[in-house]
Amino acid sequence: DMKGFWFRSVFDFGGREVAHWFPGHMAKGLKQMRANLKNVDCVIEIHDKNIPLSGRNPVFEDTLNVKPHLLILNKMDLADVSNKQRVVRTLQKSGVQNVLFTDCLKQSDTSIKKVVPLVMEIIEKSMRFNRAENTTYCLMVIGVPNVGKSSLINALRRTNLKKGRASRVGGEPGITKAVLTRIQVSERPLMYLLDTPGVLPPRIESVETGMKLALCGTILDHLVGEDIIADYLLYSLNRLGNFSYVEKYSLQEPSDDIQHVLKRIAVKLGKTQRVTAITGVGNINVTVPNYTAAAYDFIRAFRKGELGQVMLD
């Protein structure tokens, strides 16, 4: 029973600016992507399911609206039905018609089998402009960093042609780099997938959106700071009434104080440092919690789905 607990209703971002949170090299990729799009029959955009409405790049609206488009919300093991319906409704209002939920890292993900048939259906419903005489199809996976683009490509290859991994999976925003090669993902119809995903800079319209993206690993942690990302995670969990962290890290009760929580995590995981303190009565050794290591573990637990359902949008 959490009735006696008071939690923050607003998060204090401390006057942070988001301008420097995103590296500039991303704009170059957009140009190449626009060029590749000419030969693509359907665009598969992948995004993190915890932030279905935040951070999707507006380039879709202007560049891709002529192309058939499937939006895949990944990391689906964290999703539940009522939230799924709400998300689909909201997205449809903003013009996204085709939405699929997946979990690309699970070998047994059955929703991956639906991708090729669904793409076929989407393409057949649309006019294939300059390529009507062609009987082979080409797909391209695009999305902001670290949402599972390479994992999706690998899962499609695995599912459809029983072959192993293709893309190196980065795990750091913006790590997948390679020349464009094509992977066959279907025999009948003959369908290819561009091996290199298109990386889009996320759209950060507010500090709040930026923080959600950072929490989901779309922005490099050190640009934002692990301490504030961990605090935003704690704020989000408490706001959603998700107290899974209490049991996971053996806390006595929920807390809205990030320093207190990180201290407990550090102690629980043995992430402490011995430091020498110089005092008036000589040097003494004290054990202090490693707050950064604790923050990192807390954030990673969220990203791996160990803290249960956390819908940030």
Protein backbone atom coordinates (compact mmCIF):
# COMPACT_ATOMS: atom_id res chain seq x y z
CA ASP A 1 0.00 0.00 0.00
CA MET A 2 1.64 3.23 -1.20
CA LYS A 3 -0.92 5.74 0.08
CA GLY A 4 1.46 7.27 2.58
CA PHE A 5 4.10 8.08 -0.04
CA TRP A 6 4.49 11.44 -1.70
CA PHE A 7 6.33 11.41 -5.00
CA ARG A 8 7.39 14.23 -7.31
CA SER A 9 4.75 15.17 -9.82
CA VAL A 10 7.19 17.14 -11.98
CA PHE A 11 10.84 16.48 -12.78
CA ASP A 12 13.32 19.32 -12.33
CA PHE A 13 15.64 19.33 -15.32
CA GLY A 14 17.81 22.00 -13.74
CA GLY A 15 17.81 24.35 -16.74
CA ARG A 16 19.44 21.75 -19.01
CA GLU A 17 19.72 22.42 -22.72
CA VAL A 18 19.34 19.61 -25.22
CA ALA A 19 21.14 21.27 -28.12
CA HIS A 20 24.44 19.45 -27.64
CA TRP A 21 22.90 16.04 -26.94
CA PHE A 22 23.08 14.85 -30.50
CA PRO A 23 26.20 14.38 -32.61
CA GLY A 24 26.32 16.17 -35.95
CA HIS A 25 27.47 13.25 -38.08
CA MET A 26 23.88 12.12 -38.45
CA ALA A 27 22.88 14.71 -41.04
CA LYS A 28 25.28 13.16 -43.55
CA GLY A 29 23.46 9.84 -43.33
CA LEU A 30 20.15 11.44 -44.21
CA LYS A 31 21.41 12.47 -47.63
CA GLN A 32 22.56 8.98 -48.51
CA MET A 33 19.33 7.56 -47.17
CA ARG A 34 17.24 9.81 -49.37
CA ALA A 35 19.26 8.56 -52.35
CA ASN A 36 18.74 4.90 -51.42
CA LEU A 37 15.03 5.41 -50.94
CA LYS A 38 14.51 5.67 -54.69
CA ASN A 39 14.94 1.90 -54.98
CA VAL A 40 12.93 0.97 -51.92
CA ASP A 41 9.38 -0.37 -52.08
CA CYS A 42 8.61 -0.24 -48.39
CA VAL A 43 10.24 1.47 -45.45
CA ILE A 44 10.31 -0.37 -42.14
CA GLU A 45 10.75 2.12 -39.34
CA ILE A 46 11.67 0.67 -35.97
CA HIS A 47 11.29 2.50 -32.68
CA ASP A 48 11.44 1.74 -28.96
CA LYS A 49 8.11 0.59 -27.60
CA ASN A 50 8.58 2.44 -24.30
CA ILE A 51 8.52 5.76 -26.19
CA PRO A 52 6.12 5.10 -29.08
CA LEU A 53 5.29 8.80 -29.45
CA SER A 54 8.62 10.45 -28.60
CA GLY A 55 11.65 11.12 -30.75
CA ARG A 56 10.52 9.74 -34.11
CA ASN A 57 12.22 11.86 -36.75
CA PRO A 58 9.94 14.19 -38.77
CA VAL A 59 11.88 13.28 -41.94
CA PHE A 60 9.29 10.52 -42.32
CA GLU A 61 6.49 12.93 -42.91
CA ASP A 62 8.19 14.75 -45.78
CA THR A 63 10.49 12.15 -47.37
CA LEU A 64 8.74 8.93 -46.74
CA ASN A 65 5.09 9.72 -47.02
CA VAL A 66 5.20 8.64 -50.66
CA LYS A 67 6.56 5.24 -49.63
CA PRO A 68 4.63 2.41 -48.04
CA HIS A 69 5.62 2.47 -44.39
CA LEU A 70 5.51 -0.07 -41.57
CA LEU A 71 6.25 1.08 -38.01
CA ILE A 72 7.63 -1.63 -35.74
CA LEU A 73 7.67 -0.98 -32.00
CA ASN A 74 10.42 -3.17 -30.58
CA LYS A 75 11.19 -4.65 -27.12
CA MET A 76 7.65 -5.87 -27.02
CA ASP A 77 8.04 -8.25 -24.09
CA LEU A 78 7.53 -5.14 -22.00
CA ALA A 79 4.21 -4.31 -23.67
CA ASP A 80 0.71 -5.04 -22.50
CA VAL A 81 -2.53 -5.14 -24.45
CA SER A 82 -4.30 -2.04 -23.11
CA ASN A 83 -1.24 0.13 -23.73
CA LYS A 84 -0.82 -1.37 -27.19
CA GLN A 85 -4.35 -0.38 -28.18
CA ARG A 86 -3.89 3.14 -26.82
CA VAL A 87 -0.60 3.55 -28.71
CA VAL A 88 -2.04 2.21 -31.99
CA ARG A 89 -5.01 4.60 -31.71
CA THR A 90 -2.76 7.60 -31.04
CA LEU A 91 -0.42 6.71 -33.90
CA GLN A 92 -3.30 6.20 -36.33
CA LYS A 93 -4.57 9.68 -35.51
CA SER A 94 -1.18 11.03 -36.57
CA GLY A 95 -1.34 9.09 -39.83
CA VAL A 96 0.63 5.92 -39.04
CA GLN A 97 -1.58 3.13 -40.33
CA ASN A 98 0.59 0.02 -40.10
CA VAL A 99 2.00 -0.84 -36.67
CA LEU A 100 3.57 -4.10 -35.52
CA PHE A 101 4.99 -4.97 -32.06
CA THR A 102 8.09 -7.20 -31.88
CA ASP A 103 10.93 -8.33 -29.67
CA CYS A 104 13.81 -8.86 -32.08
CA LEU A 105 16.26 -10.23 -29.57
CA LYS A 106 14.05 -13.20 -28.73
CA GLN A 107 14.89 -16.13 -31.02
CA SER A 108 11.32 -17.34 -30.85
CA ASP A 109 9.58 -14.04 -31.62
CA THR A 110 6.58 -15.08 -33.72
CA SER A 111 5.70 -11.51 -34.74
CA ILE A 112 8.83 -11.44 -36.95
CA LYS A 113 7.11 -14.02 -39.20
CA LYS A 114 4.38 -11.46 -39.84
CA VAL A 115 6.74 -8.82 -41.24
CA VAL A 116 7.16 -10.11 -44.81
CA PRO A 117 3.44 -10.93 -45.38
CA LEU A 118 2.45 -7.59 -43.85
CA VAL A 119 4.93 -5.71 -46.05
CA MET A 120 3.53 -7.54 -49.10
CA GLU A 121 0.04 -6.49 -48.16
CA ILE A 122 1.11 -2.86 -47.61
CA ILE A 123 2.95 -2.73 -50.96
CA GLU A 124 0.03 -4.27 -52.84
CA LYS A 125 -2.35 -1.70 -51.40
CA SER A 126 -0.12 1.13 -52.60
CA MET A 127 0.84 2.12 -56.11
CA ARG A 128 4.35 1.03 -56.97
CA PHE A 129 5.13 4.22 -58.88
CA ASN A 130 8.10 3.71 -61.19
CA ARG A 131 8.63 0.07 -60.36
CA ALA A 132 5.36 -1.59 -61.35
CA GLU A 133 7.02 -3.82 -63.94
CA ASN A 134 9.48 -5.18 -61.40
CA THR A 135 8.72 -8.42 -59.56
CA THR A 136 11.41 -8.14 -56.90
CA TYR A 137 10.89 -5.97 -53.85
CA CYS A 138 13.36 -4.00 -51.80
CA LEU A 139 12.95 -2.98 -48.15
CA MET A 140 14.90 -0.67 -45.92
CA VAL A 141 15.02 -0.54 -42.12
CA ILE A 142 15.37 2.91 -40.60
CA GLY A 143 15.11 4.49 -37.15
CA VAL A 144 16.83 6.52 -34.46
CA PRO A 145 19.90 4.96 -32.76
CA ASN A 146 19.77 1.90 -30.58
CA VAL A 147 16.17 0.85 -31.12
CA GLY A 148 17.00 -2.55 -32.62
CA LYS A 149 17.55 -1.90 -36.36
CA SER A 150 20.38 -4.43 -36.69
CA SER A 151 18.56 -6.91 -34.47
CA LEU A 152 15.51 -6.65 -36.75
CA ILE A 153 17.61 -7.22 -39.87
CA ASN A 154 19.23 -10.25 -38.22
CA ALA A 155 15.87 -11.59 -37.03
CA LEU A 156 14.35 -11.26 -40.52
CA ARG A 157 17.29 -13.05 -42.07
CA ARG A 158 17.15 -15.78 -39.42
CA THR A 159 13.41 -16.28 -39.72
CA ASN A 160 13.09 -16.18 -43.47
CA LEU A 161 16.22 -17.85 -44.71
CA LYS A 162 17.55 -19.60 -41.61
CA LYS A 163 20.86 -17.76 -41.89
CA GLY A 164 22.83 -16.25 -39.02
CA ARG A 165 23.69 -12.69 -38.14
CA ALA A 166 24.28 -10.03 -40.75
CA SER A 167 24.63 -6.61 -39.16
CA ARG A 168 27.02 -6.03 -36.31
CA VAL A 169 24.86 -4.99 -33.42
CA GLY A 170 26.36 -1.87 -31.90
CA GLY A 171 24.76 -1.24 -28.54
CA GLU A 172 26.05 2.32 -28.64
CA PRO A 173 23.99 4.89 -30.54
CA GLY A 174 25.18 5.16 -34.11
CA ILE A 175 27.61 2.21 -34.24
CA THR A 176 26.26 0.24 -37.23
CA LYS A 177 28.34 1.27 -40.23
CA ALA A 178 28.77 -0.73 -43.43
CA VAL A 179 28.43 -0.52 -47.18
CA LEU A 180 24.98 -1.19 -48.59
CA THR A 181 24.48 -4.84 -49.39
CA ARG A 182 21.24 -6.69 -49.88
CA ILE A 183 19.94 -9.63 -47.91
CA GLN A 184 17.27 -11.86 -49.40
CA VAL A 185 14.45 -12.21 -46.86
CA SER A 186 11.88 -14.00 -48.97
CA GLU A 187 11.93 -16.43 -51.87
CA ARG A 188 8.35 -16.00 -53.03
CA PRO A 189 7.90 -13.14 -53.58
CA LEU A 190 11.57 -12.35 -54.12
CA MET A 191 12.24 -9.72 -51.49
CA TYR A 192 15.48 -8.07 -50.48
CA LEU A 193 16.40 -5.99 -47.48
CA LEU A 194 19.17 -3.38 -47.51
CA ASP A 195 21.75 -4.62 -45.05
CA THR A 196 22.59 -1.17 -43.68
CA PRO A 197 19.85 0.48 -41.68
CA GLY A 198 19.21 4.18 -42.10
CA VAL A 199 20.08 6.04 -38.90
CA LEU A 200 17.97 9.08 -38.12
CA PRO A 201 18.72 11.79 -35.61
CA PRO A 202 15.92 11.67 -33.06
CA ARG A 203 13.65 14.63 -32.82
CA ILE A 204 14.17 16.26 -29.45
CA GLU A 205 11.48 18.88 -29.05
CA SER A 206 11.85 19.30 -25.30
CA VAL A 207 14.15 18.37 -22.44
CA GLU A 208 11.54 15.85 -21.31
CA THR A 209 11.60 14.09 -24.70
CA GLY A 210 15.39 14.19 -24.64
CA MET A 211 15.42 12.55 -21.23
CA LYS A 212 13.07 9.77 -22.36
CA LEU A 213 15.31 9.13 -25.36
CA ALA A 214 18.39 9.12 -23.13
CA LEU A 215 16.76 6.65 -20.77
CA CYS A 216 16.01 4.33 -23.71
CA GLY A 217 19.64 4.53 -24.86
CA THR A 218 19.09 6.61 -27.99
CA ILE A 219 21.46 9.37 -26.87
CA LEU A 220 24.93 8.59 -25.52
CA ASP A 221 24.65 8.39 -21.73
CA HIS A 222 27.63 10.58 -20.96
CA LEU A 223 26.23 13.48 -23.00
CA VAL A 224 23.29 13.66 -20.61
CA GLY A 225 24.85 12.22 -17.45
CA GLU A 226 24.09 8.85 -15.84
CA ASP A 227 23.12 10.50 -12.56
CA ILE A 228 20.25 12.52 -14.01
CA ILE A 229 19.12 9.66 -16.29
CA ALA A 230 18.90 7.39 -13.22
CA ASP A 231 16.98 10.07 -11.33
CA TYR A 232 14.55 10.45 -14.24
CA LEU A 233 14.07 6.67 -14.25
CA LEU A 234 13.27 6.70 -10.53
CA TYR A 235 10.85 9.59 -11.04
CA SER A 236 9.15 7.71 -13.92
CA LEU A 237 8.84 4.44 -12.00
CA ASN A 238 7.32 6.17 -8.97
CA ARG A 239 4.97 8.23 -11.12
CA LEU A 240 3.73 5.04 -12.82
CA GLY A 241 3.36 3.25 -9.49
CA ASN A 242 5.98 0.69 -10.56
CA PHE A 243 7.92 -0.22 -7.44
CA SER A 244 9.78 -3.24 -8.86
CA TYR A 245 13.09 -1.62 -7.90
CA VAL A 246 12.26 -1.91 -4.18
CA GLU A 247 12.39 -5.71 -4.24
CA LYS A 248 15.12 -5.95 -6.88
CA TYR A 249 17.58 -3.90 -4.84
CA SER A 250 16.35 -4.91 -1.36
CA LEU A 251 15.12 -1.47 -0.32
CA GLN A 252 12.90 -1.18 2.73
CA GLU A 253 10.33 0.89 0.86
CA PRO A 254 9.94 3.10 -2.23
CA SER A 255 11.92 6.32 -2.25
CA ASP A 256 12.02 9.43 -4.39
CA ASP A 257 15.55 10.27 -3.31
CA ILE A 258 17.97 9.07 -5.98
CA GLN A 259 21.05 9.34 -3.73
CA HIS A 260 19.41 7.05 -1.18
CA VAL A 261 18.36 4.55 -3.86
CA LEU A 262 21.78 4.52 -5.56
CA LYS A 263 23.45 3.98 -2.20
CA ARG A 264 21.27 0.92 -1.58
CA ILE A 265 22.02 -0.38 -5.11
CA ALA A 266 25.77 0.12 -4.63
CA VAL A 267 25.70 -1.74 -1.33
CA LYS A 268 23.54 -4.55 -2.75
CA LEU A 269 25.84 -5.03 -5.76
CA GLY A 270 29.07 -4.48 -3.87
CA LYS A 271 29.84 -1.40 -5.98
CA THR A 272 31.81 0.49 -3.37
CA GLN A 273 35.21 2.19 -3.32
CA ARG A 274 37.76 2.51 -0.53
CA VAL A 275 38.98 6.06 -0.20
CA THR A 276 41.34 7.70 2.24
CA ALA A 277 39.93 10.63 4.10
CA ILE A 278 42.40 13.06 5.67
CA THR A 279 41.15 14.21 9.05
CA GLY A 280 42.58 16.25 11.89
CA VAL A 281 43.32 13.03 13.79
CA GLY A 282 45.12 11.25 10.94
CA ASN A 283 44.10 9.42 7.80
CA ILE A 284 41.14 7.06 7.88
CA ASN A 285 39.91 4.63 5.23
CA VAL A 286 36.24 4.93 4.42
CA THR A 287 34.04 2.89 2.08
CA VAL A 288 31.95 5.04 -0.21
CA PRO A 289 29.28 3.91 -2.67
CA ASN A 290 30.18 4.12 -6.36
CA TYR A 291 27.14 6.16 -7.42
CA THR A 292 27.98 6.10 -11.14
CA ALA A 293 28.26 2.30 -11.25
CA ALA A 294 25.00 2.01 -9.32
CA ALA A 295 23.26 4.48 -11.66
CA TYR A 296 24.51 2.54 -14.65
CA ASP A 297 23.18 -0.75 -13.27
CA PHE A 298 19.79 0.80 -12.53
CA ILE A 299 19.52 2.20 -16.08
CA ARG A 300 20.67 -1.09 -17.61
CA ALA A 301 18.07 -3.03 -15.62
CA PHE A 302 15.39 -0.83 -17.17
CA ARG A 303 16.75 -1.27 -20.70
CA LYS A 304 16.86 -5.03 -20.31
CA GLY A 305 13.23 -5.09 -19.22
CA GLU A 306 14.06 -6.21 -15.68
CA LEU A 307 11.93 -3.48 -14.09
CA GLY A 308 8.72 -4.55 -15.80
CA GLN A 309 6.39 -2.33 -17.75
CA VAL A 310 7.56 1.30 -18.02
CA MET A 311 5.54 3.25 -20.57
CA LEU A 312 7.19 6.67 -20.77
CA ASP A 313 4.72 8.17 -23.26
